[in-house]
């Protein structure tokens, strides 16, 4: 009888601690199940003398009935508590709805769209081309033959080789090949903006990535001059960085243009006085440009005596870094939501 009382006390304590359906089910199995503690007591009654068997049997049956009643009561309490918790956390349809998570454009995509919008306002249409490109369009058609020094600055991902041993297919190193493709398929006047990704086999650091986003422009028509190039790029730069931002041009070399130029904007941090951000120069380069070389005009079948043109190219990440004061290009593709949510 003392053991039955100890069993009752232990069972009721554990039942009080059961606070969910899983806990109740485990308790019922432990005490009232087919292998439960109460059943084990009843099975051992046959080992006792008749008089003791009658007394202890009655006690064990009374314990089972008491535990059954206690279980039902506890189950009701748990169900009521669960219902109350559900009601407390329920949705009040009279309250304003909760706003869901809204995706946003990547800062590189945002900047690229802003660049194309500025060019579209000046009459440039968008054209895209393949990222896997032929060597001819990526180099040869742009006056960069096999042993040209300019190829050294464009470490290339090659795909395969021609039968004569020359490499033929590659991941494009710039978006300029699509300018050639566009001119081959269209007659002047041409006003085209070419966005896209390019790839270079080089080490990644704060200012270089092996994958880069570019936007290049090409204009070919009668009477186009360096004056048109400067006016277009000045308007483009001021659309992105502000109409009061000074723009500077100075000579530079690119195989596919003559003359070539570098376009830079005045540093927004120091106002041109020179600081760490601009290397104490007061200016920040945003791209290269120039008048399309006569050979390229002729090679696509245009009359070089009648038509002239200009081209320019910009790194999208470079523009984004300058617009937002970002000092490391690797932030753009680190997948750090703390960084991306700022845009």
C-alpha atoms as a PDB file:
ATOM      1  CA  UNK A   1       0.000   0.000   0.000  1.00  0.00           C
ATOM      2  CA  UNK A   2       2.910   2.334   0.714  1.00  0.00           C
ATOM      3  CA  UNK A   3       4.250   1.594  -2.797  1.00  0.00           C
ATOM      4  CA  UNK A   4       0.834   2.420  -4.309  1.00  0.00           C
ATOM      5  CA  UNK A   5       0.783   5.767  -2.505  1.00  0.00           C
ATOM      6  CA  UNK A   6       4.305   6.561  -3.698  1.00  0.00           C
ATOM      7  CA  UNK A   7       3.263   5.642  -7.260  1.00  0.00           C
ATOM      8  CA  UNK A   8       0.190   7.893  -6.993  1.00  0.00           C
ATOM      9  CA  UNK A   9       2.265  10.834  -5.744  1.00  0.00           C
ATOM     10  CA  UNK A  10       4.887  10.444  -8.474  1.00  0.00           C
ATOM     11  CA  UNK A  11       2.281  10.057 -11.218  1.00  0.00           C
ATOM     12  CA  UNK A  12       0.328  13.164 -10.179  1.00  0.00           C
ATOM     13  CA  UNK A  13       3.503  15.263  -9.984  1.00  0.00           C
ATOM     14  CA  UNK A  14       4.546  14.253 -13.503  1.00  0.00           C
ATOM     15  CA  UNK A  15       1.003  14.803 -14.797  1.00  0.00           C
ATOM     16  CA  UNK A  16       1.028  18.357 -13.461  1.00  0.00           C
ATOM     17  CA  UNK A  17       4.269  18.987 -15.345  1.00  0.00           C
ATOM     18  CA  UNK A  18       2.811  17.794 -18.679  1.00  0.00           C
ATOM     19  CA  UNK A  19       1.805  20.940 -20.605  1.00  0.00           C
ATOM     20  CA  UNK A  20       1.143  19.783 -24.171  1.00  0.00           C
ATOM     21  CA  UNK A  21      -0.285  16.866 -26.131  1.00  0.00           C
ATOM     22  CA  UNK A  22       3.049  15.142 -26.466  1.00  0.00           C
ATOM     23  CA  UNK A  23       3.684  15.314 -22.729  1.00  0.00           C
ATOM     24  CA  UNK A  24       0.213  13.978 -21.924  1.00  0.00           C
ATOM     25  CA  UNK A  25       0.580  11.093 -24.364  1.00  0.00           C
ATOM     26  CA  UNK A  26       3.938  10.134 -22.858  1.00  0.00           C
ATOM     27  CA  UNK A  27       2.513  10.258 -19.328  1.00  0.00           C
ATOM     28  CA  UNK A  28      -0.498   8.104 -20.248  1.00  0.00           C
ATOM     29  CA  UNK A  29       1.750   5.508 -21.831  1.00  0.00           C
ATOM     30  CA  UNK A  30       4.055   5.471 -18.789  1.00  0.00           C
ATOM     31  CA  UNK A  31       1.324   4.978 -16.188  1.00  0.00           C
ATOM     32  CA  UNK A  32      -1.909   3.781 -17.831  1.00  0.00           C
ATOM     33  CA  UNK A  33      -0.657   2.085 -20.963  1.00  0.00           C
ATOM     34  CA  UNK A  34      -0.454  -1.674 -21.563  1.00  0.00           C
ATOM     35  CA  UNK A  35       3.084  -1.652 -20.202  1.00  0.00           C
ATOM     36  CA  UNK A  36       2.410   1.153 -17.725  1.00  0.00           C
ATOM     37  CA  UNK A  37       3.249   1.185 -14.025  1.00  0.00           C
ATOM     38  CA  UNK A  38      -0.332   0.539 -12.814  1.00  0.00           C
ATOM     39  CA  UNK A  39      -0.790  -2.469 -15.104  1.00  0.00           C
ATOM     40  CA  UNK A  40       2.525  -3.876 -13.893  1.00  0.00           C
ATOM     41  CA  UNK A  41       1.190  -3.730 -10.304  1.00  0.00           C
ATOM     42  CA  UNK A  42      -2.032  -5.515 -11.258  1.00  0.00           C
ATOM     43  CA  UNK A  43      -0.097  -8.296 -13.038  1.00  0.00           C
ATOM     44  CA  UNK A  44       1.936  -9.011  -9.898  1.00  0.00           C
ATOM     45  CA  UNK A  45      -1.158  -9.551  -7.679  1.00  0.00           C
ATOM     46  CA  UNK A  46      -1.228 -13.243  -8.536  1.00  0.00           C
ATOM     47  CA  UNK A  47       2.009 -13.717  -6.599  1.00  0.00           C
ATOM     48  CA  UNK A  48       0.358 -12.605  -3.316  1.00  0.00           C
ATOM     49  CA  UNK A  49      -1.729 -14.528  -0.774  1.00  0.00           C
ATOM     50  CA  UNK A  50      -5.508 -14.328  -1.310  1.00  0.00           C
ATOM     51  CA  UNK A  51      -6.197 -11.852   1.535  1.00  0.00           C
ATOM     52  CA  UNK A  52      -3.433  -9.465   0.486  1.00  0.00           C
ATOM     53  CA  UNK A  53      -4.425  -9.868  -3.171  1.00  0.00           C
ATOM     54  CA  UNK A  54      -7.947  -8.649  -2.410  1.00  0.00           C
ATOM     55  CA  UNK A  55      -6.773  -5.573  -0.476  1.00  0.00           C
ATOM     56  CA  UNK A  56      -4.006  -4.550  -2.850  1.00  0.00           C
ATOM     57  CA  UNK A  57      -6.172  -5.281  -5.922  1.00  0.00           C
ATOM     58  CA  UNK A  58      -8.817  -2.901  -4.673  1.00  0.00           C
ATOM     59  CA  UNK A  59      -6.132  -0.266  -3.992  1.00  0.00           C
ATOM     60  CA  UNK A  60      -4.565  -0.681  -7.432  1.00  0.00           C
ATOM     61  CA  UNK A  61      -7.941  -0.414  -9.194  1.00  0.00           C
ATOM     62  CA  UNK A  62      -8.768   2.688  -7.159  1.00  0.00           C
ATOM     63  CA  UNK A  63      -5.382   4.184  -8.169  1.00  0.00           C
ATOM     64  CA  UNK A  64      -6.050   3.462 -11.843  1.00  0.00           C
ATOM     65  CA  UNK A  65      -9.474   5.123 -11.682  1.00  0.00           C
ATOM     66  CA  UNK A  66      -8.025   8.142  -9.874  1.00  0.00           C
ATOM     67  CA  UNK A  67      -5.241   8.556 -12.420  1.00  0.00           C
ATOM     68  CA  UNK A  68      -7.721   8.236 -15.313  1.00  0.00           C
ATOM     69  CA  UNK A  69      -9.852  11.004 -13.804  1.00  0.00           C
ATOM     70  CA  UNK A  70      -6.791  13.175 -13.140  1.00  0.00           C
ATOM     71  CA  UNK A  71      -5.600  12.630 -16.722  1.00  0.00           C
ATOM     72  CA  UNK A  72      -8.933  13.759 -18.217  1.00  0.00           C
ATOM     73  CA  UNK A  73      -8.973  16.834 -16.031  1.00  0.00           C
ATOM     74  CA  UNK A  74      -5.377  17.747 -16.931  1.00  0.00           C
ATOM     75  CA  UNK A  75      -6.036  17.219 -20.625  1.00  0.00           C
ATOM     76  CA  UNK A  76      -8.971  19.617 -20.453  1.00  0.00           C
ATOM     77  CA  UNK A  77      -6.781  22.231 -18.734  1.00  0.00           C
ATOM     78  CA  UNK A  78      -4.058  21.894 -21.386  1.00  0.00           C
ATOM     79  CA  UNK A  79      -6.575  22.209 -24.245  1.00  0.00           C
ATOM     80  CA  UNK A  80      -8.100  25.329 -22.697  1.00  0.00           C
ATOM     81  CA  UNK A  81      -4.665  26.896 -22.209  1.00  0.00           C
ATOM     82  CA  UNK A  82      -3.762  26.149 -25.836  1.00  0.00           C
ATOM     83  CA  UNK A  83      -7.022  27.652 -27.056  1.00  0.00           C
ATOM     84  CA  UNK A  84      -6.443  30.775 -24.965  1.00  0.00           C
ATOM     85  CA  UNK A  85      -2.931  31.165 -26.345  1.00  0.00           C
ATOM     86  CA  UNK A  86      -4.198  30.744 -29.898  1.00  0.00           C
ATOM     87  CA  UNK A  87      -6.883  33.330 -29.363  1.00  0.00           C
ATOM     88  CA  UNK A  88      -4.407  35.768 -27.839  1.00  0.00           C
ATOM     89  CA  UNK A  89      -2.123  35.455 -30.872  1.00  0.00           C
ATOM     90  CA  UNK A  90      -4.857  35.402 -33.455  1.00  0.00           C
ATOM     91  CA  UNK A  91      -5.310  37.842 -36.313  1.00  0.00           C
ATOM     92  CA  UNK A  92      -7.518  40.827 -35.681  1.00  0.00           C
ATOM     93  CA  UNK A  93      -9.078  41.434 -39.094  1.00  0.00           C
ATOM     94  CA  UNK A  94      -9.958  44.995 -38.067  1.00  0.00           C
ATOM     95  CA  UNK A  95      -6.276  45.945 -37.818  1.00  0.00           C
ATOM     96  CA  UNK A  96      -4.182  47.077 -40.842  1.00  0.00           C
ATOM     97  CA  UNK A  97      -2.427  44.211 -42.583  1.00  0.00           C
ATOM     98  CA  UNK A  98       1.243  43.511 -42.044  1.00  0.00           C
ATOM     99  CA  UNK A  99       3.442  44.484 -44.961  1.00  0.00           C
ATOM    100  CA  UNK A 100       5.252  41.570 -46.506  1.00  0.00           C
ATOM    101  CA  UNK A 101       8.936  41.512 -47.317  1.00  0.00           C
ATOM    102  CA  UNK A 102       9.541  43.294 -50.597  1.00  0.00           C
ATOM    103  CA  UNK A 103      12.493  42.516 -52.797  1.00  0.00           C
ATOM    104  CA  UNK A 104      14.626  45.221 -54.322  1.00  0.00           C
ATOM    105  CA  UNK A 105      17.050  45.681 -57.174  1.00  0.00           C
ATOM    106  CA  UNK A 106      20.728  45.013 -56.639  1.00  0.00           C
ATOM    107  CA  UNK A 107      22.767  48.265 -56.518  1.00  0.00           C
ATOM    108  CA  UNK A 108      24.591  47.248 -59.706  1.00  0.00           C
ATOM    109  CA  UNK A 109      21.245  46.757 -61.467  1.00  0.00           C
ATOM    110  CA  UNK A 110      19.949  50.053 -60.112  1.00  0.00           C
ATOM    111  CA  UNK A 111      23.032  51.900 -61.373  1.00  0.00           C
ATOM    112  CA  UNK A 112      22.919  50.184 -64.768  1.00  0.00           C
ATOM    113  CA  UNK A 113      19.267  51.169 -65.213  1.00  0.00           C
ATOM    114  CA  UNK A 114      20.033  54.758 -64.254  1.00  0.00           C
ATOM    115  CA  UNK A 115      22.843  54.824 -66.823  1.00  0.00           C
ATOM    116  CA  UNK A 116      20.617  53.405 -69.562  1.00  0.00           C
ATOM    117  CA  UNK A 117      17.820  55.830 -68.654  1.00  0.00           C
ATOM    118  CA  UNK A 118      20.211  58.770 -69.032  1.00  0.00           C
ATOM    119  CA  UNK A 119      21.364  57.452 -72.412  1.00  0.00           C
ATOM    120  CA  UNK A 120      17.816  56.640 -73.502  1.00  0.00           C
ATOM    121  CA  UNK A 121      16.843  60.272 -72.897  1.00  0.00           C
ATOM    122  CA  UNK A 122      19.504  61.198 -75.465  1.00  0.00           C
ATOM    123  CA  UNK A 123      18.170  58.804 -78.094  1.00  0.00           C
ATOM    124  CA  UNK A 124      20.311  55.705 -77.541  1.00  0.00           C
ATOM    125  CA  UNK A 125      18.628  52.329 -77.937  1.00  0.00           C
ATOM    126  CA  UNK A 126      19.717  49.292 -75.927  1.00  0.00           C
ATOM    127  CA  UNK A 127      21.304  46.278 -77.624  1.00  0.00           C
ATOM    128  CA  UNK A 128      22.747  43.164 -75.993  1.00  0.00           C
ATOM    129  CA  UNK A 129      25.009  40.443 -77.268  1.00  0.00           C
ATOM    130  CA  UNK A 130      26.513  37.062 -76.345  1.00  0.00           C
ATOM    131  CA  UNK A 131      28.828  36.690 -73.367  1.00  0.00           C
ATOM    132  CA  UNK A 132      30.574  33.764 -75.055  1.00  0.00           C
ATOM    133  CA  UNK A 133      32.228  35.500 -77.973  1.00  0.00           C
ATOM    134  CA  UNK A 134      34.425  34.794 -80.993  1.00  0.00           C
ATOM    135  CA  UNK A 135      38.010  36.006 -80.887  1.00  0.00           C
ATOM    136  CA  UNK A 136      37.363  37.991 -84.053  1.00  0.00           C
ATOM    137  CA  UNK A 137      34.669  40.194 -82.480  1.00  0.00           C
ATOM    138  CA  UNK A 138      36.403  40.527 -79.121  1.00  0.00           C
ATOM    139  CA  UNK A 139      39.849  41.422 -80.467  1.00  0.00           C
ATOM    140  CA  UNK A 140      40.535  41.358 -84.203  1.00  0.00           C
ATOM    141  CA  UNK A 141      37.594  43.500 -85.355  1.00  0.00           C
ATOM    142  CA  UNK A 142      38.530  46.063 -82.698  1.00  0.00           C
ATOM    143  CA  UNK A 143      42.101  46.441 -83.963  1.00  0.00           C
ATOM    144  CA  UNK A 144      43.593  44.209 -81.258  1.00  0.00           C
ATOM    145  CA  UNK A 145      45.390  41.459 -83.226  1.00  0.00           C
ATOM    146  CA  UNK A 146      46.972  38.403 -81.636  1.00  0.00           C
ATOM    147  CA  UNK A 147      50.258  39.988 -80.554  1.00  0.00           C
ATOM    148  CA  UNK A 148      48.913  43.458 -79.743  1.00  0.00           C
ATOM    149  CA  UNK A 149      50.080  44.774 -76.323  1.00  0.00           C
ATOM    150  CA  UNK A 150      46.495  45.669 -75.409  1.00  0.00           C
ATOM    151  CA  UNK A 151      45.696  41.970 -75.059  1.00  0.00           C
ATOM    152  CA  UNK A 152      48.037  41.838 -72.081  1.00  0.00           C
ATOM    153  CA  UNK A 153      45.629  44.054 -70.122  1.00  0.00           C
ATOM    154  CA  UNK A 154      42.713  41.706 -70.816  1.00  0.00           C
ATOM    155  CA  UNK A 155      43.615  38.316 -69.339  1.00  0.00           C
ATOM    156  CA  UNK A 156      41.107  36.061 -71.031  1.00  0.00           C
ATOM    157  CA  UNK A 157      39.038  32.973 -70.274  1.00  0.00           C
ATOM    158  CA  UNK A 158      39.449  30.836 -73.408  1.00  0.00           C
ATOM    159  CA  UNK A 159      37.164  27.973 -74.425  1.00  0.00           C
ATOM    160  CA  UNK A 160      38.630  26.021 -77.316  1.00  0.00           C
ATOM    161  CA  UNK A 161      41.099  26.057 -80.172  1.00  0.00           C
ATOM    162  CA  UNK A 162      40.903  26.122 -83.933  1.00  0.00           C
ATOM    163  CA  UNK A 163      42.350  23.279 -85.957  1.00  0.00           C
ATOM    164  CA  UNK A 164      45.400  25.406 -86.762  1.00  0.00           C
ATOM    165  CA  UNK A 165      46.053  25.825 -83.025  1.00  0.00           C
ATOM    166  CA  UNK A 166      44.695  29.368 -82.661  1.00  0.00           C
ATOM    167  CA  UNK A 167      42.269  30.077 -79.863  1.00  0.00           C
ATOM    168  CA  UNK A 168      38.806  31.009 -81.091  1.00  0.00           C
ATOM    169  CA  UNK A 169      36.082  31.249 -78.412  1.00  0.00           C
ATOM    170  CA  UNK A 170      36.229  33.094 -75.112  1.00  0.00           C
ATOM    171  CA  UNK A 171      34.267  34.856 -72.400  1.00  0.00           C
ATOM    172  CA  UNK A 172      34.168  38.405 -73.704  1.00  0.00           C
ATOM    173  CA  UNK A 173      36.577  40.761 -71.951  1.00  0.00           C
ATOM    174  CA  UNK A 174      34.475  43.855 -72.717  1.00  0.00           C
ATOM    175  CA  UNK A 175      31.102  44.670 -74.272  1.00  0.00           C
ATOM    176  CA  UNK A 176      32.647  46.329 -77.342  1.00  0.00           C
ATOM    177  CA  UNK A 177      32.166  43.222 -79.558  1.00  0.00           C
ATOM    178  CA  UNK A 178      28.461  43.934 -79.666  1.00  0.00           C
ATOM    179  CA  UNK A 179      29.180  47.318 -81.230  1.00  0.00           C
ATOM    180  CA  UNK A 180      30.716  45.512 -84.200  1.00  0.00           C
ATOM    181  CA  UNK A 181      27.796  43.089 -84.359  1.00  0.00           C
ATOM    182  CA  UNK A 182      25.302  45.948 -84.286  1.00  0.00           C
ATOM    183  CA  UNK A 183      27.041  47.870 -87.064  1.00  0.00           C
ATOM    184  CA  UNK A 184      27.193  44.759 -89.237  1.00  0.00           C
ATOM    185  CA  UNK A 185      23.410  44.428 -88.962  1.00  0.00           C
ATOM    186  CA  UNK A 186      22.369  48.100 -89.142  1.00  0.00           C
ATOM    187  CA  UNK A 187      23.036  51.049 -91.378  1.00  0.00           C
ATOM    188  CA  UNK A 188      23.718  54.550 -90.038  1.00  0.00           C
ATOM    189  CA  UNK A 189      22.557  56.530 -88.208  1.00  0.00           C
ATOM    190  CA  UNK A 190      23.475  54.422 -85.176  1.00  0.00           C
ATOM    191  CA  UNK A 191      22.762  55.326 -81.553  1.00  0.00           C
ATOM    192  CA  UNK A 192      23.221  52.271 -79.348  1.00  0.00           C
ATOM    193  CA  UNK A 193      23.942  51.551 -75.676  1.00  0.00           C
ATOM    194  CA  UNK A 194      25.386  48.125 -74.897  1.00  0.00           C
ATOM    195  CA  UNK A 195      25.080  46.870 -71.304  1.00  0.00           C
ATOM    196  CA  UNK A 196      26.353  43.513 -70.102  1.00  0.00           C
ATOM    197  CA  UNK A 197      28.837  41.449 -68.169  1.00  0.00           C
ATOM    198  CA  UNK A 198      32.430  40.884 -69.157  1.00  0.00           C
ATOM    199  CA  UNK A 199      35.078  38.567 -67.700  1.00  0.00           C
ATOM    200  CA  UNK A 200      38.804  38.867 -67.105  1.00  0.00           C
ATOM    201  CA  UNK A 201      41.140  36.312 -65.587  1.00  0.00           C
ATOM    202  CA  UNK A 202      42.635  38.504 -62.899  1.00  0.00           C
ATOM    203  CA  UNK A 203      42.971  38.684 -59.127  1.00  0.00           C
ATOM    204  CA  UNK A 204      40.167  40.209 -57.078  1.00  0.00           C
ATOM    205  CA  UNK A 205      40.933  43.198 -54.866  1.00  0.00           C
ATOM    206  CA  UNK A 206      39.219  46.365 -53.651  1.00  0.00           C
ATOM    207  CA  UNK A 207      38.966  47.807 -57.172  1.00  0.00           C
ATOM    208  CA  UNK A 208      38.945  44.729 -59.444  1.00  0.00           C
ATOM    209  CA  UNK A 209      36.604  41.795 -59.944  1.00  0.00           C
ATOM    210  CA  UNK A 210      36.977  38.904 -62.372  1.00  0.00           C
ATOM    211  CA  UNK A 211      33.412  39.619 -63.553  1.00  0.00           C
ATOM    212  CA  UNK A 212      32.633  43.222 -64.423  1.00  0.00           C
ATOM    213  CA  UNK A 213      29.522  45.040 -65.610  1.00  0.00           C
ATOM    214  CA  UNK A 214      29.900  47.563 -68.406  1.00  0.00           C
ATOM    215  CA  UNK A 215      27.781  49.994 -70.375  1.00  0.00           C
ATOM    216  CA  UNK A 216      29.221  51.093 -73.703  1.00  0.00           C
ATOM    217  CA  UNK A 217      27.780  53.532 -76.217  1.00  0.00           C
ATOM    218  CA  UNK A 218      28.266  53.970 -79.941  1.00  0.00           C
ATOM    219  CA  UNK A 219      27.083  56.726 -82.255  1.00  0.00           C
ATOM    220  CA  UNK A 220      27.756  56.728 -86.005  1.00  0.00           C
ATOM    221  CA  UNK A 221      26.342  59.301 -88.409  1.00  0.00           C
ATOM    222  CA  UNK A 222      27.326  62.020 -90.829  1.00  0.00           C
ATOM    223  CA  UNK A 223      29.246  64.905 -89.303  1.00  0.00           C
ATOM    224  CA  UNK A 224      29.795  63.459 -85.820  1.00  0.00           C
ATOM    225  CA  UNK A 225      32.785  65.080 -84.154  1.00  0.00           C
ATOM    226  CA  UNK A 226      34.654  65.223 -80.866  1.00  0.00           C
ATOM    227  CA  UNK A 227      32.345  68.066 -79.877  1.00  0.00           C
ATOM    228  CA  UNK A 228      29.368  65.682 -80.007  1.00  0.00           C
ATOM    229  CA  UNK A 229      31.285  63.159 -77.894  1.00  0.00           C
ATOM    230  CA  UNK A 230      32.118  65.712 -75.212  1.00  0.00           C
ATOM    231  CA  UNK A 231      28.585  67.093 -75.086  1.00  0.00           C
ATOM    232  CA  UNK A 232      27.029  63.623 -74.838  1.00  0.00           C
ATOM    233  CA  UNK A 233      29.340  62.405 -72.113  1.00  0.00           C
ATOM    234  CA  UNK A 234      29.081  65.642 -70.139  1.00  0.00           C
ATOM    235  CA  UNK A 235      25.288  65.392 -70.125  1.00  0.00           C
ATOM    236  CA  UNK A 236      25.519  61.710 -69.238  1.00  0.00           C
ATOM    237  CA  UNK A 237      27.894  62.295 -66.315  1.00  0.00           C
ATOM    238  CA  UNK A 238      25.850  65.178 -64.936  1.00  0.00           C
ATOM    239  CA  UNK A 239      22.644  63.114 -65.164  1.00  0.00           C
ATOM    240  CA  UNK A 240      24.260  60.551 -62.861  1.00  0.00           C
ATOM    241  CA  UNK A 241      26.296  62.772 -60.535  1.00  0.00           C
ATOM    242  CA  UNK A 242      24.495  66.110 -60.581  1.00  0.00           C
ATOM    243  CA  UNK A 243      24.284  68.985 -63.029  1.00  0.00           C
ATOM    244  CA  UNK A 244      26.785  71.066 -61.052  1.00  0.00           C
ATOM    245  CA  UNK A 245      29.517  68.398 -61.132  1.00  0.00           C
ATOM    246  CA  UNK A 246      32.476  69.484 -63.328  1.00  0.00           C
ATOM    247  CA  UNK A 247      33.613  67.017 -65.994  1.00  0.00           C
ATOM    248  CA  UNK A 248      37.139  66.689 -67.371  1.00  0.00           C
ATOM    249  CA  UNK A 249      38.496  65.131 -70.574  1.00  0.00           C
ATOM    250  CA  UNK A 250      42.119  64.313 -71.257  1.00  0.00           C
ATOM    251  CA  UNK A 251      43.978  62.281 -73.868  1.00  0.00           C
ATOM    252  CA  UNK A 252      44.220  58.518 -73.558  1.00  0.00           C
ATOM    253  CA  UNK A 253      44.872  55.571 -75.866  1.00  0.00           C
ATOM    254  CA  UNK A 254      42.554  52.755 -76.934  1.00  0.00           C
ATOM    255  CA  UNK A 255      43.213  50.643 -80.069  1.00  0.00           C
ATOM    256  CA  UNK A 256      39.693  51.078 -81.442  1.00  0.00           C
ATOM    257  CA  UNK A 257      39.431  54.883 -81.238  1.00  0.00           C
ATOM    258  CA  UNK A 258      41.499  57.805 -82.507  1.00  0.00           C
ATOM    259  CA  UNK A 259      41.783  60.192 -80.805  1.00  0.00           C
ATOM    260  CA  UNK A 260      41.068  58.616 -77.421  1.00  0.00           C
ATOM    261  CA  UNK A 261      40.044  60.313 -74.204  1.00  0.00           C
ATOM    262  CA  UNK A 262      39.506  59.646 -70.514  1.00  0.00           C
ATOM    263  CA  UNK A 263      36.451  61.153 -68.848  1.00  0.00           C
ATOM    264  CA  UNK A 264      36.566  62.064 -65.166  1.00  0.00           C
ATOM    265  CA  UNK A 265      34.340  63.884 -62.720  1.00  0.00           C
ATOM    266  CA  UNK A 266      35.399  66.208 -59.945  1.00  0.00           C
ATOM    267  CA  UNK A 267      35.716  64.460 -56.582  1.00  0.00           C
ATOM    268  CA  UNK A 268      32.575  65.069 -54.587  1.00  0.00           C
ATOM    269  CA  UNK A 269      34.376  64.778 -51.240  1.00  0.00           C
ATOM    270  CA  UNK A 270      37.077  67.379 -51.668  1.00  0.00           C
ATOM    271  CA  UNK A 271      35.574  69.518 -54.431  1.00  0.00           C
ATOM    272  CA  UNK A 272      38.693  69.105 -56.563  1.00  0.00           C
ATOM    273  CA  UNK A 273      41.193  70.063 -53.854  1.00  0.00           C
ATOM    274  CA  UNK A 274      42.560  66.535 -53.557  1.00  0.00           C
ATOM    275  CA  UNK A 275      41.936  63.912 -50.907  1.00  0.00           C
ATOM    276  CA  UNK A 276      42.556  60.251 -50.122  1.00  0.00           C
ATOM    277  CA  UNK A 277      39.448  59.168 -52.023  1.00  0.00           C
ATOM    278  CA  UNK A 278      40.660  60.643 -55.307  1.00  0.00           C
ATOM    279  CA  UNK A 279      44.368  59.978 -54.773  1.00  0.00           C
ATOM    280  CA  UNK A 280      44.948  63.691 -54.145  1.00  0.00           C
ATOM    281  CA  UNK A 281      44.165  64.433 -57.786  1.00  0.00           C
ATOM    282  CA  UNK A 282      40.761  66.037 -57.279  1.00  0.00           C
ATOM    283  CA  UNK A 283      39.266  63.963 -60.119  1.00  0.00           C
ATOM    284  CA  UNK A 284      37.776  60.488 -60.437  1.00  0.00           C
ATOM    285  CA  UNK A 285      37.862  58.581 -63.726  1.00  0.00           C
ATOM    286  CA  UNK A 286      34.561  57.051 -64.816  1.00  0.00           C
ATOM    287  CA  UNK A 287      35.361  55.742 -68.304  1.00  0.00           C
ATOM    288  CA  UNK A 288      37.188  55.910 -71.598  1.00  0.00           C
ATOM    289  CA  UNK A 289      36.015  57.249 -74.952  1.00  0.00           C
ATOM    290  CA  UNK A 290      37.098  58.449 -78.372  1.00  0.00           C
ATOM    291  CA  UNK A 291      36.287  58.744 -82.054  1.00  0.00           C
ATOM    292  CA  UNK A 292      35.756  55.367 -83.716  1.00  0.00           C
ATOM    293  CA  UNK A 293      38.836  54.423 -85.732  1.00  0.00           C
ATOM    294  CA  UNK A 294      38.484  54.757 -89.495  1.00  0.00           C
ATOM    295  CA  UNK A 295      39.489  51.133 -90.058  1.00  0.00           C
ATOM    296  CA  UNK A 296      36.576  49.915 -87.940  1.00  0.00           C
ATOM    297  CA  UNK A 297      34.145  52.111 -89.875  1.00  0.00           C
ATOM    298  CA  UNK A 298      35.443  50.624 -93.124  1.00  0.00           C
ATOM    299  CA  UNK A 299      35.566  47.013 -91.907  1.00  0.00           C
ATOM    300  CA  UNK A 300      31.824  46.938 -91.123  1.00  0.00           C
ATOM    301  CA  UNK A 301      31.012  48.201 -94.632  1.00  0.00           C
ATOM    302  CA  UNK A 302      30.340  51.875 -93.880  1.00  0.00           C
ATOM    303  CA  UNK A 303      31.655  54.682 -96.056  1.00  0.00           C
ATOM    304  CA  UNK A 304      34.413  56.153 -93.883  1.00  0.00           C
ATOM    305  CA  UNK A 305      34.488  59.330 -95.986  1.00  0.00           C
ATOM    306  CA  UNK A 306      30.834  59.927 -95.199  1.00  0.00           C
ATOM    307  CA  UNK A 307      30.361  58.590 -91.672  1.00  0.00           C
ATOM    308  CA  UNK A 308      32.188  59.191 -88.421  1.00  0.00           C
ATOM    309  CA  UNK A 309      31.357  58.077 -84.928  1.00  0.00           C
ATOM    310  CA  UNK A 310      32.287  58.022 -81.276  1.00  0.00           C
ATOM    311  CA  UNK A 311      32.317  55.308 -78.634  1.00  0.00           C
ATOM    312  CA  UNK A 312      32.628  55.270 -74.852  1.00  0.00           C
ATOM    313  CA  UNK A 313      32.655  52.675 -72.110  1.00  0.00           C
ATOM    314  CA  UNK A 314      31.893  52.801 -68.401  1.00  0.00           C
ATOM    315  CA  UNK A 315      32.283  50.326 -65.560  1.00  0.00           C
ATOM    316  CA  UNK A 316      28.926  50.074 -63.795  1.00  0.00           C
ATOM    317  CA  UNK A 317      30.475  49.118 -60.458  1.00  0.00           C
ATOM    318  CA  UNK A 318      32.883  52.034 -60.747  1.00  0.00           C
ATOM    319  CA  UNK A 319      30.001  54.455 -61.234  1.00  0.00           C
ATOM    320  CA  UNK A 320      28.083  52.882 -58.335  1.00  0.00           C
ATOM    321  CA  UNK A 321      31.112  53.184 -56.043  1.00  0.00           C
ATOM    322  CA  UNK A 322      31.532  56.864 -56.887  1.00  0.00           C
ATOM    323  CA  UNK A 323      27.831  57.659 -56.492  1.00  0.00           C
ATOM    324  CA  UNK A 324      27.516  55.983 -53.085  1.00  0.00           C
ATOM    325  CA  UNK A 325      30.982  56.420 -51.604  1.00  0.00           C
ATOM    326  CA  UNK A 326      31.835  52.688 -51.581  1.00  0.00           C
ATOM    327  CA  UNK A 327      35.524  51.882 -51.178  1.00  0.00           C
ATOM    328  CA  UNK A 328      35.579  48.155 -51.989  1.00  0.00           C
ATOM    329  CA  UNK A 329      34.042  46.612 -55.114  1.00  0.00           C
ATOM    330  CA  UNK A 330      33.818  43.226 -53.395  1.00  0.00           C
ATOM    331  CA  UNK A 331      30.903  44.447 -51.258  1.00  0.00           C
ATOM    332  CA  UNK A 332      28.573  44.235 -54.259  1.00  0.00           C
ATOM    333  CA  UNK A 333      28.760  40.448 -54.544  1.00  0.00           C
ATOM    334  CA  UNK A 334      29.481  39.417 -50.951  1.00  0.00           C
ATOM    335  CA  UNK A 335      25.738  38.709 -50.388  1.00  0.00           C
ATOM    336  CA  UNK A 336      25.835  40.714 -47.154  1.00  0.00           C
ATOM    337  CA  UNK A 337      22.242  41.826 -46.579  1.00  0.00           C
ATOM    338  CA  UNK A 338      23.409  44.594 -44.229  1.00  0.00           C
ATOM    339  CA  UNK A 339      25.112  46.175 -47.220  1.00  0.00           C
ATOM    340  CA  UNK A 340      22.472  45.441 -49.847  1.00  0.00           C
ATOM    341  CA  UNK A 341      19.545  46.737 -47.753  1.00  0.00           C
ATOM    342  CA  UNK A 342      21.037  50.231 -47.915  1.00  0.00           C
ATOM    343  CA  UNK A 343      20.010  50.462 -51.552  1.00  0.00           C
END
